[in-house]
Amino acid sequence: MLIGGISPARIAEKFGSPLYVYDGDAIRKKCKELKKSFPGMNLYYACKANTNPEVIKIIFSEGFGIETVSLGEIRVARKAGVLASKITFTCGSIDEGELVTVAKQNIRIHLDSLHQVEIFGKHFPGKEISVRLNQGIGAGHHAHVVTGGPDSKFGIDRAHIVQLKKLAKKYRLRITGLHQHIGSNILDIPIFLKAMSALFDTAFQFPGLAHLDFGGGLGVPYKPGEHALNMKMLGQKVKSVTSHFMKRYGKSVETSFEPGRYLVAQAGHLIVRVNDIKRNPTKTFVGVNSGFNHLIRPAMYGSYHEIVNATHPKNKREKVTVAGNLCESGDVFARDRMLPAPELGDILVVKNAGAYGYAMSSDYNLRPKPREILVSKNKARMIRK
């Protein structure tokens, strides 16, 4: 396999391992695909997926805004050259100081609770606000990434819309935006349309809206046999239901999506080296020089990542468990996986690691984080030591 036209072995020879390697041209291709599929919509990159400034620069240069969830992410986006007017902020359980600090930067904020509406109203009476709603609809590849429904901590429950309006009236706040996000890595079109329809229905309770944000969740296939989202079809259906809503609502309203994983997951790879092989009576363990401190998704979500033997791709296939170098039994990238039999020193590539890889990494066991490499136009350069 090649990453941006360069072999993983060559990249590892130059920069060492472990490494996160991103294909910049692949990221640009995904950006262009979404711009084409959703003409007229605002697209904000949910940068929690990958906060490397060079990645953000690429996506911003393709006409995307940046969706953030912390002051740290705002700082990275601004450092990457993103204007405040192109940044949005989705609140979690933040304190008063953080909320006020973000608001003073003239960044669009999606308020997440009645308490946050009250805080905002006290500091900024008479201003416009956008609120995140929980409409009771959730979806995603794992329970931990479902962000809507009765078990979700996110959003103002639709049952509290009356209280929301009372608070807005108390502080003369104008509710001009509604936001929702139902979950992550969704591969089915109907659930997106169901969620959009629910937000459209709720919108009629707010006559002064200027924008609707449908969140993210656009998924990518990780496992063999998983189908990819038909983005062309989704775009056509989104256009149709949105147009129908505008006619019923009586005026034009801005609409937005917040893709994160979709832009970067498949463009990123974790390159590791085989350090050890244990051929036990019942299992073969292949030990590598990385672990869940670098890619926590398999341990945290049971996530599947394809693994490629880049050094000996034609070796006879063998059932192996690819294990990390941390002092944890759960530090495993793949269990009982059929791979071309790895040999000591082989370079393995953990694919689809561009989203929620380095961004969720740590220095657990006091092992350093990997370097990050960007490949573009057949050239590789380090973008984080």
Protein backbone atom coordinates (compact mmCIF):
# COMPACT_ATOMS: atom_id res chain seq x y z
CA MET A 1 0.00 0.00 0.00
CA LEU A 2 0.95 3.64 -0.45
CA ILE A 3 0.09 6.74 1.56
CA GLY A 4 -0.10 9.73 -0.72
CA GLY A 5 2.14 7.94 -3.17
CA ILE A 6 4.80 6.97 -0.61
CA SER A 7 5.33 3.56 0.97
CA PRO A 8 4.84 3.32 4.75
CA ALA A 9 8.24 1.64 5.07
CA ARG A 10 9.93 4.62 3.43
CA ILE A 11 8.12 7.04 5.73
CA ALA A 12 9.07 5.00 8.79
CA GLU A 13 12.68 4.80 7.61
CA LYS A 14 12.84 8.60 7.43
CA PHE A 15 10.86 9.57 10.54
CA GLY A 16 10.95 6.48 12.76
CA SER A 17 7.91 4.89 14.37
CA PRO A 18 5.29 4.95 15.70
CA LEU A 19 3.89 7.66 13.45
CA TYR A 20 0.57 9.19 12.55
CA VAL A 21 0.59 9.85 8.82
CA TYR A 22 -2.06 11.92 7.05
CA ASP A 23 -2.74 12.09 3.32
CA GLY A 24 -3.44 15.76 2.68
CA ASP A 25 -4.72 15.14 -0.84
CA ALA A 26 -7.25 12.62 0.50
CA ILE A 27 -8.52 15.22 3.00
CA ARG A 28 -8.95 17.76 0.22
CA LYS A 29 -10.83 15.21 -1.87
CA LYS A 30 -13.29 14.57 0.98
CA CYS A 31 -13.81 18.30 1.44
CA LYS A 32 -14.61 18.79 -2.21
CA GLU A 33 -17.01 15.84 -2.16
CA LEU A 34 -19.03 17.33 0.70
CA LYS A 35 -19.07 20.82 -0.82
CA LYS A 36 -20.44 19.30 -4.01
CA SER A 37 -23.00 17.14 -2.17
CA PHE A 38 -24.35 19.98 -0.01
CA PRO A 39 -24.34 23.12 -2.16
CA GLY A 40 -25.54 26.18 -0.31
CA MET A 41 -25.04 24.65 3.14
CA ASN A 42 -22.54 25.89 5.68
CA LEU A 43 -20.03 23.19 6.57
CA TYR A 44 -18.09 23.34 9.83
CA TYR A 45 -15.31 20.85 10.49
CA ALA A 46 -15.76 19.29 13.95
CA CYS A 47 -12.09 19.64 14.80
CA LYS A 48 -12.28 17.42 17.90
CA ALA A 49 -11.67 14.59 15.41
CA ASN A 50 -8.19 15.86 14.58
CA THR A 51 -6.85 19.15 15.93
CA ASN A 52 -3.51 19.27 14.15
CA PRO A 53 -3.17 22.88 12.92
CA GLU A 54 -1.94 21.77 9.48
CA VAL A 55 -5.02 19.58 9.04
CA ILE A 56 -7.25 22.47 10.08
CA LYS A 57 -5.48 24.76 7.60
CA ILE A 58 -6.21 22.33 4.75
CA ILE A 59 -9.89 22.04 5.63
CA PHE A 60 -10.33 25.79 6.18
CA SER A 61 -8.67 26.48 2.82
CA GLU A 62 -11.33 24.28 1.20
CA GLY A 63 -14.09 26.62 2.40
CA PHE A 64 -15.08 25.01 5.68
CA GLY A 65 -15.66 26.73 8.99
CA ILE A 66 -14.47 25.11 12.21
CA GLU A 67 -16.69 23.74 15.00
CA THR A 68 -15.04 23.79 18.42
CA VAL A 69 -15.90 22.56 21.91
CA SER A 70 -13.20 24.17 24.08
CA LEU A 71 -11.08 27.29 24.41
CA GLY A 72 -8.09 25.17 23.43
CA GLU A 73 -9.70 24.23 20.13
CA ILE A 74 -10.56 27.87 19.48
CA ARG A 75 -6.93 28.85 20.06
CA VAL A 76 -5.72 26.18 17.64
CA ALA A 77 -8.22 27.26 14.99
CA ARG A 78 -7.25 30.92 15.33
CA LYS A 79 -3.56 30.00 15.18
CA ALA A 80 -4.31 28.13 11.96
CA GLY A 81 -5.70 31.36 10.49
CA VAL A 82 -9.42 30.74 10.94
CA LEU A 83 -11.48 33.90 11.43
CA ALA A 84 -13.76 34.14 14.47
CA SER A 85 -16.69 34.55 12.10
CA LYS A 86 -15.91 31.09 10.70
CA ILE A 87 -15.82 29.37 14.09
CA THR A 88 -18.73 27.94 16.07
CA PHE A 89 -18.68 26.70 19.66
CA THR A 90 -20.83 23.87 20.96
CA CYS A 91 -21.13 23.98 24.74
CA GLY A 92 -20.70 21.01 27.01
CA SER A 93 -20.67 21.23 30.78
CA ILE A 94 -18.68 24.48 30.78
CA ASP A 95 -18.40 27.06 33.53
CA GLU A 96 -19.46 30.68 33.46
CA GLY A 97 -15.97 31.99 32.80
CA GLU A 98 -15.48 29.87 29.69
CA LEU A 99 -18.90 30.73 28.31
CA VAL A 100 -18.36 34.46 28.74
CA THR A 101 -14.84 34.29 27.29
CA VAL A 102 -16.10 32.55 24.15
CA ALA A 103 -19.06 34.91 23.76
CA LYS A 104 -16.83 37.98 23.90
CA GLN A 105 -14.95 36.68 20.82
CA ASN A 106 -18.11 37.03 18.71
CA ILE A 107 -18.18 33.31 18.00
CA ARG A 108 -21.54 31.65 17.39
CA ILE A 109 -22.36 29.60 20.48
CA HIS A 110 -24.82 26.72 20.71
CA LEU A 111 -26.04 26.78 24.31
CA ASP A 112 -26.53 23.33 25.81
CA SER A 113 -28.70 23.87 28.91
CA LEU A 114 -31.23 26.16 30.54
CA HIS A 115 -28.54 27.12 33.06
CA GLN A 116 -26.27 28.27 30.22
CA VAL A 117 -29.11 30.31 28.74
CA GLU A 118 -29.53 32.01 32.13
CA ILE A 119 -25.80 32.75 32.38
CA PHE A 120 -25.71 34.13 28.85
CA GLY A 121 -28.80 36.23 29.49
CA LYS A 122 -27.31 37.82 32.62
CA HIS A 123 -24.15 38.82 30.78
CA PHE A 124 -25.56 39.61 27.34
CA PRO A 125 -29.25 40.61 27.62
CA GLY A 126 -30.99 41.37 24.36
CA LYS A 127 -28.59 39.33 22.23
CA GLU A 128 -29.27 36.54 19.76
CA ILE A 129 -28.74 32.94 20.87
CA SER A 130 -28.60 29.47 19.36
CA VAL A 131 -29.59 26.47 21.47
CA ARG A 132 -28.83 22.80 21.19
CA LEU A 133 -31.90 20.61 21.53
CA ASN A 134 -32.28 16.96 22.46
CA GLN A 135 -35.17 15.76 20.33
CA GLY A 136 -35.09 12.20 21.62
CA ILE A 137 -33.35 10.82 18.53
CA GLY A 138 -29.92 9.22 18.80
CA ALA A 139 -27.68 6.97 16.72
CA GLY A 140 -24.05 5.92 16.42
CA HIS A 141 -21.57 3.04 16.24
CA HIS A 142 -21.37 2.66 20.04
CA ALA A 143 -23.45 3.69 23.05
CA HIS A 144 -20.70 6.09 24.12
CA VAL A 145 -21.07 8.17 20.96
CA VAL A 146 -24.87 8.45 20.85
CA THR A 147 -25.54 12.12 21.57
CA GLY A 148 -29.32 12.29 21.43
CA GLY A 149 -32.17 10.50 23.20
CA PRO A 150 -33.17 9.97 26.84
CA ASP A 151 -29.77 8.64 27.95
CA SER A 152 -27.75 11.46 26.40
CA LYS A 153 -26.23 14.23 28.51
CA PHE A 154 -26.38 16.68 25.61
CA GLY A 155 -28.89 19.35 24.68
CA ILE A 156 -31.99 20.97 26.11
CA ASP A 157 -34.75 18.40 26.21
CA ARG A 158 -37.68 19.21 23.95
CA ALA A 159 -39.91 18.93 27.03
CA HIS A 160 -38.25 22.11 28.34
CA ILE A 161 -38.98 24.36 25.38
CA VAL A 162 -41.56 26.32 27.40
CA GLN A 163 -38.97 27.04 30.11
CA LEU A 164 -36.48 27.97 27.40
CA LYS A 165 -38.83 30.54 25.96
CA LYS A 166 -39.55 32.01 29.40
CA LEU A 167 -35.84 32.44 30.06
CA ALA A 168 -35.35 34.05 26.65
CA LYS A 169 -38.17 36.49 27.37
CA LYS A 170 -36.77 37.25 30.85
CA TYR A 171 -33.47 38.40 29.36
CA ARG A 172 -34.86 39.68 26.03
CA LEU A 173 -32.87 37.02 24.17
CA ARG A 174 -33.79 36.27 20.58
CA ILE A 175 -33.61 32.59 19.71
CA THR A 176 -32.34 32.71 16.15
CA GLY A 177 -30.67 29.30 15.91
CA LEU A 178 -31.41 25.66 16.69
CA HIS A 179 -28.77 22.94 16.83
CA GLN A 180 -28.82 19.18 17.24
CA HIS A 181 -26.36 16.30 17.02
CA ILE A 182 -27.56 12.71 17.25
CA GLY A 183 -24.35 10.67 17.27
CA SER A 184 -21.16 9.62 15.53
CA ASN A 185 -20.19 7.44 12.56
CA ILE A 186 -23.69 6.95 11.20
CA LEU A 187 -23.93 5.11 7.89
CA ASP A 188 -27.69 5.12 7.31
CA ILE A 189 -29.43 7.92 5.43
CA PRO A 190 -32.93 7.50 6.97
CA ILE A 191 -31.81 8.40 10.52
CA PHE A 192 -30.31 11.68 9.29
CA LEU A 193 -33.55 12.57 7.52
CA LYS A 194 -35.61 11.58 10.57
CA ALA A 195 -33.55 13.86 12.79
CA MET A 196 -33.72 16.72 10.30
CA SER A 197 -37.49 16.37 10.02
CA ALA A 198 -37.81 16.47 13.80
CA LEU A 199 -35.79 19.68 13.98
CA PHE A 200 -37.85 21.19 11.17
CA ASP A 201 -41.04 20.39 13.09
CA THR A 202 -39.66 22.02 16.23
CA ALA A 203 -38.54 25.07 14.26
CA PHE A 204 -42.14 26.15 13.79
CA GLN A 205 -42.22 26.92 17.52
CA PHE A 206 -39.54 29.58 16.91
CA PRO A 207 -40.66 32.13 14.30
CA GLY A 208 -37.44 34.19 14.29
CA LEU A 209 -34.91 31.60 13.24
CA ALA A 210 -31.96 32.49 11.02
CA HIS A 211 -30.06 29.20 11.06
CA LEU A 212 -30.46 25.48 11.73
CA ASP A 213 -27.48 23.24 12.49
CA PHE A 214 -27.95 19.48 12.07
CA GLY A 215 -24.64 18.53 13.70
CA GLY A 216 -22.32 15.85 12.36
CA GLY A 217 -22.20 12.09 12.47
CA LEU A 218 -21.39 11.39 8.82
CA GLY A 219 -19.75 7.98 9.02
CA VAL A 220 -17.10 6.02 7.17
CA PRO A 221 -16.80 2.23 6.83
CA TYR A 222 -14.19 0.63 9.07
CA LYS A 223 -14.96 -3.07 8.72
CA PRO A 224 -14.78 -5.11 5.51
CA GLY A 225 -18.23 -5.30 3.95
CA GLU A 226 -19.56 -2.13 5.60
CA HIS A 227 -21.29 0.12 3.11
CA ALA A 228 -20.21 3.71 2.64
CA LEU A 229 -22.67 6.57 2.89
CA ASN A 230 -24.10 7.43 -0.51
CA MET A 231 -23.25 11.10 -0.20
CA LYS A 232 -24.80 12.06 -3.53
CA MET A 233 -28.12 10.52 -2.53
CA LEU A 234 -27.97 12.03 0.96
CA GLY A 235 -27.27 15.44 -0.54
CA GLN A 236 -30.26 15.17 -2.89
CA LYS A 237 -32.61 14.14 -0.08
CA VAL A 238 -31.31 16.86 2.25
CA LYS A 239 -31.88 19.43 -0.46
CA SER A 240 -35.43 18.19 -0.99
CA VAL A 241 -36.53 18.16 2.66
CA THR A 242 -34.82 21.49 3.33
CA SER A 243 -36.54 23.16 0.38
CA HIS A 244 -39.89 21.80 1.57
CA PHE A 245 -39.31 23.21 5.04
CA MET A 246 -38.33 26.66 3.74
CA LYS A 247 -41.57 26.91 1.80
CA ARG A 248 -43.61 25.98 4.88
CA TYR A 249 -41.59 28.23 7.18
CA GLY A 250 -42.08 31.19 4.88
CA LYS A 251 -38.51 32.43 4.72
CA SER A 252 -34.98 31.32 3.97
CA VAL A 253 -32.90 29.94 6.84
CA GLU A 254 -29.19 29.08 6.84
CA THR A 255 -28.45 25.38 7.30
CA SER A 256 -25.29 23.68 8.51
CA PHE A 257 -23.60 20.31 8.95
CA GLU A 258 -20.60 19.61 11.18
CA PRO A 259 -18.60 16.75 9.63
CA GLY A 260 -15.52 15.62 11.53
CA ARG A 261 -14.56 11.99 11.10
CA TYR A 262 -15.77 11.94 7.50
CA LEU A 263 -13.05 14.35 6.39
CA VAL A 264 -10.04 12.87 8.16
CA ALA A 265 -10.57 9.26 9.30
CA GLN A 266 -9.65 7.45 6.11
CA ALA A 267 -6.82 9.88 5.34
CA GLY A 268 -4.95 8.97 8.52
CA HIS A 269 -2.84 5.92 9.39
CA LEU A 270 -0.92 4.79 12.45
CA ILE A 271 2.41 3.25 11.45
CA VAL A 272 3.89 0.82 13.98
CA ARG A 273 6.77 -1.66 14.08
CA VAL A 274 6.69 -5.28 15.22
CA ASN A 275 8.83 -5.57 18.37
CA ASP A 276 7.97 -9.05 19.60
CA ILE A 277 6.20 -12.25 18.58
CA LYS A 278 4.93 -14.89 21.04
CA ARG A 279 3.68 -18.12 19.53
CA ASN A 280 1.82 -19.53 22.50
CA PRO A 281 -0.01 -22.90 22.38
CA THR A 282 -3.38 -21.30 21.63
CA LYS A 283 -2.59 -17.77 20.38
CA THR A 284 0.06 -15.84 18.54
CA PHE A 285 0.69 -12.38 19.97
CA VAL A 286 2.34 -9.79 17.77
CA GLY A 287 3.71 -6.99 19.94
CA VAL A 288 4.14 -3.52 18.42
CA ASN A 289 5.75 -0.27 19.56
CA SER A 290 2.47 1.54 20.16
CA GLY A 291 -0.61 1.08 22.30
CA PHE A 292 -3.96 2.49 23.34
CA ASN A 293 -2.15 5.60 24.56
CA HIS A 294 -1.84 6.36 20.85
CA LEU A 295 -5.08 4.88 19.50
CA ILE A 296 -7.68 4.22 22.18
CA ARG A 297 -10.66 3.42 19.95
CA PRO A 298 -10.28 -0.39 19.97
CA ALA A 299 -9.98 -0.48 23.78
CA MET A 300 -12.62 2.18 24.43
CA TYR A 301 -15.25 1.29 21.83
CA GLY A 302 -14.27 -2.15 20.61
CA SER A 303 -13.64 -0.44 17.29
CA TYR A 304 -12.35 -2.30 14.26
CA HIS A 305 -9.35 -0.95 12.35
CA GLU A 306 -7.96 -2.73 9.32
CA ILE A 307 -4.28 -3.63 9.77
CA VAL A 308 -1.91 -4.08 6.83
CA ASN A 309 1.48 -5.76 6.84
CA ALA A 310 3.32 -3.22 4.70
CA THR A 311 6.66 -5.07 4.82
CA HIS A 312 5.58 -8.60 3.91
CA PRO A 313 2.11 -8.31 2.34
CA LYS A 314 2.51 -11.65 0.51
CA ASN A 315 3.37 -13.77 3.54
CA LYS A 316 1.06 -16.68 4.28
CA ARG A 317 -1.87 -15.46 6.33
CA GLU A 318 -1.90 -16.32 10.01
CA LYS A 319 -4.35 -15.70 12.85
CA VAL A 320 -2.69 -13.25 15.24
CA THR A 321 -3.54 -10.84 18.05
CA VAL A 322 -1.85 -7.47 17.58
CA ALA A 323 -1.01 -6.15 21.03
CA GLY A 324 0.42 -2.86 22.25
CA ASN A 325 3.36 -2.10 24.54
CA LEU A 326 1.42 -0.80 27.54
CA CYS A 327 1.16 -2.56 30.90
CA GLU A 328 -2.56 -3.28 30.37
CA SER A 329 -4.30 -6.49 29.29
CA GLY A 330 -6.78 -4.44 27.28
CA ASP A 331 -4.02 -2.90 25.19
CA VAL A 332 -4.91 -4.75 21.99
CA PHE A 333 -5.41 -3.38 18.47
CA ALA A 334 -6.89 -6.55 16.96
CA ARG A 335 -7.80 -9.99 18.31
CA ASP A 336 -7.53 -13.18 16.25
CA ARG A 337 -7.04 -11.28 13.01
CA MET A 338 -5.94 -13.03 9.82
CA LEU A 339 -2.86 -11.17 8.56
CA PRO A 340 0.11 -11.92 6.35
CA ALA A 341 2.34 -13.45 9.03
CA PRO A 342 4.27 -10.59 10.65
CA GLU A 343 8.01 -10.88 11.24
CA LEU A 344 10.17 -9.00 13.71
CA GLY A 345 10.83 -5.50 12.43
CA ASP A 346 7.87 -5.47 10.03
CA ILE A 347 5.97 -2.24 9.51
CA LEU A 348 2.23 -2.58 10.18
CA VAL A 349 -0.26 0.09 9.19
CA VAL A 350 -3.39 0.63 11.27
CA LYS A 351 -5.79 2.19 8.79
CA ASN A 352 -8.63 4.70 9.20
CA ALA A 353 -6.88 6.31 12.17
CA GLY A 354 -7.09 9.96 11.15
CA ALA A 355 -10.06 10.71 13.42
CA TYR A 356 -10.01 10.37 17.21
CA GLY A 357 -6.50 8.94 17.06
CA TYR A 358 -3.86 11.47 18.04
CA ALA A 359 -6.62 13.76 19.33
CA MET A 360 -7.46 11.23 22.07
CA SER A 361 -3.88 10.11 22.72
CA SER A 362 -2.09 10.39 26.06
CA ASP A 363 1.29 9.83 27.70
CA TYR A 364 0.04 6.88 29.74
CA ASN A 365 2.92 4.73 31.02
CA LEU A 366 4.96 7.87 30.27
CA ARG A 367 5.46 6.74 26.71
CA PRO A 368 5.73 9.68 24.29
CA LYS A 369 3.08 10.43 21.70
CA PRO A 370 3.84 9.64 18.05
CA ARG A 371 5.12 12.20 15.61
CA GLU A 372 2.61 13.38 13.00
CA ILE A 373 3.49 13.43 9.32
CA LEU A 374 1.65 15.07 6.44
CA VAL A 375 2.01 13.64 2.94
CA SER A 376 1.00 15.83 0.03
CA LYS A 377 1.94 15.61 -3.64
CA ASN A 378 4.30 12.71 -2.97
CA LYS A 379 6.23 14.63 -0.29
CA ALA A 380 6.22 13.91 3.44
CA ARG A 381 6.96 16.40 6.20
CA MET A 382 6.69 16.39 9.94
CA ILE A 383 3.86 18.52 11.32
CA ARG A 384 4.21 17.67 15.01
CA LYS A 385 7.16 16.25 16.93
